[in-house]
Amino acid sequence: MAVVTFTDEFTSSVAAKKLFTALILDADNLIPKLMPQAFKSIETIQGNGGPGSIKKMTFAEDAGPGLTHVKHRIDALDEEKMTYSYTR
């Protein structure tokens, strides 16, 4: 198994805090509504949503053959610095 680090930086007219809140903190509710063709649901199956929690992303039936879901563990979440780290 390899460690992969991904950093994304882009310019937006939307404030960074608002984007972080939508894409990370409210993702469980927001992403399935915005992308129902790709995601059926996102749910926390263990923990309270903070570090150590496990989330399950269930793909829509039309997402592709053999794709049903993926789980990941939240390793770190810092709302002040707007950083998020997870392991699949």
Protein backbone atom coordinates (compact mmCIF):
# COMPACT_ATOMS: atom_id res chain seq x y z
CA MET A 1 0.00 0.00 0.00
CA ALA A 2 1.28 3.46 -0.87
CA VAL A 3 0.70 6.83 0.71
CA VAL A 4 -0.83 9.36 -1.65
CA THR A 5 -1.04 13.04 -0.84
CA PHE A 6 -3.39 15.28 -2.75
CA THR A 7 -3.47 19.04 -2.43
CA ASP A 8 -5.90 21.15 -4.39
CA GLU A 9 -5.74 24.90 -4.74
CA PHE A 10 -8.00 27.05 -6.86
CA THR A 11 -9.45 30.53 -7.13
CA SER A 12 -13.11 31.08 -6.37
CA SER A 13 -15.45 33.98 -5.82
CA VAL A 14 -16.88 32.00 -2.88
CA ALA A 15 -15.11 32.45 0.46
CA ALA A 16 -12.75 29.62 1.46
CA LYS A 17 -14.59 28.98 4.75
CA LYS A 18 -17.91 28.64 2.94
CA LEU A 19 -16.42 26.16 0.43
CA PHE A 20 -14.78 24.12 3.20
CA THR A 21 -18.04 23.97 5.10
CA ALA A 22 -20.00 22.84 2.04
CA LEU A 23 -17.48 20.38 0.58
CA ILE A 24 -16.18 18.85 3.82
CA LEU A 25 -18.42 19.56 6.80
CA ASP A 26 -21.80 19.38 4.99
CA ALA A 27 -20.73 16.92 2.27
CA ASP A 28 -22.86 14.07 3.63
CA ASN A 29 -26.05 15.99 2.82
CA LEU A 30 -24.92 18.24 -0.01
CA ILE A 31 -23.02 15.98 -2.42
CA PRO A 32 -25.79 13.37 -2.96
CA LYS A 33 -28.22 16.24 -3.69
CA LEU A 34 -25.84 17.94 -6.14
CA MET A 35 -24.65 14.74 -7.82
CA PRO A 36 -27.45 12.14 -7.56
CA GLN A 37 -26.22 10.47 -10.76
CA ALA A 38 -22.97 9.59 -8.96
CA PHE A 39 -23.77 9.30 -5.24
CA LYS A 40 -26.76 7.69 -3.58
CA SER A 41 -25.75 8.59 -0.02
CA ILE A 42 -22.91 9.47 2.34
CA GLU A 43 -23.26 8.40 5.93
CA THR A 44 -21.20 8.28 9.10
CA ILE A 45 -21.22 4.64 10.20
CA GLN A 46 -18.94 5.07 13.21
CA GLY A 47 -18.09 8.08 15.34
CA ASN A 48 -19.37 11.64 15.40
CA GLY A 49 -17.92 12.91 12.13
CA GLY A 50 -14.57 13.95 13.60
CA PRO A 51 -11.19 12.21 13.61
CA GLY A 52 -11.55 8.44 13.96
CA SER A 53 -14.99 8.42 12.35
CA ILE A 54 -15.72 6.09 9.44
CA LYS A 55 -17.83 7.26 6.51
CA LYS A 56 -19.47 5.21 3.79
CA MET A 57 -20.13 6.71 0.36
CA THR A 58 -22.69 4.67 -1.59
CA PHE A 59 -22.58 5.16 -5.34
CA ALA A 60 -25.67 5.51 -7.53
CA GLU A 61 -26.67 2.41 -9.48
CA ASP A 62 -25.59 4.07 -12.74
CA ALA A 63 -22.11 4.98 -11.40
CA GLY A 64 -20.48 2.01 -13.10
CA PRO A 65 -20.21 -1.76 -13.08
CA GLY A 66 -18.98 -3.22 -9.82
CA LEU A 67 -19.08 0.10 -7.96
CA THR A 68 -21.25 -0.03 -4.86
CA HIS A 69 -19.55 1.91 -2.08
CA VAL A 70 -16.29 3.08 -0.53
CA LYS A 71 -15.42 3.62 3.13
CA HIS A 72 -12.89 6.01 4.58
CA ARG A 73 -11.64 6.93 8.03
CA ILE A 74 -11.19 10.57 8.99
CA ASP A 75 -7.64 10.97 10.29
CA ALA A 76 -7.65 14.72 10.94
CA LEU A 77 -10.10 17.58 10.68
CA ASP A 78 -9.12 21.16 11.48
CA GLU A 79 -11.91 23.64 10.82
CA GLU A 80 -9.76 26.64 11.72
CA LYS A 81 -6.97 25.75 9.25
CA MET A 82 -9.51 24.20 6.84
CA THR A 83 -7.64 20.91 6.50
CA TYR A 84 -9.03 17.39 6.18
CA SER A 85 -7.16 14.11 6.05
CA TYR A 86 -8.56 10.63 5.51
CA THR A 87 -7.54 7.03 4.78
CA ARG A 88 -9.40 4.66 2.50
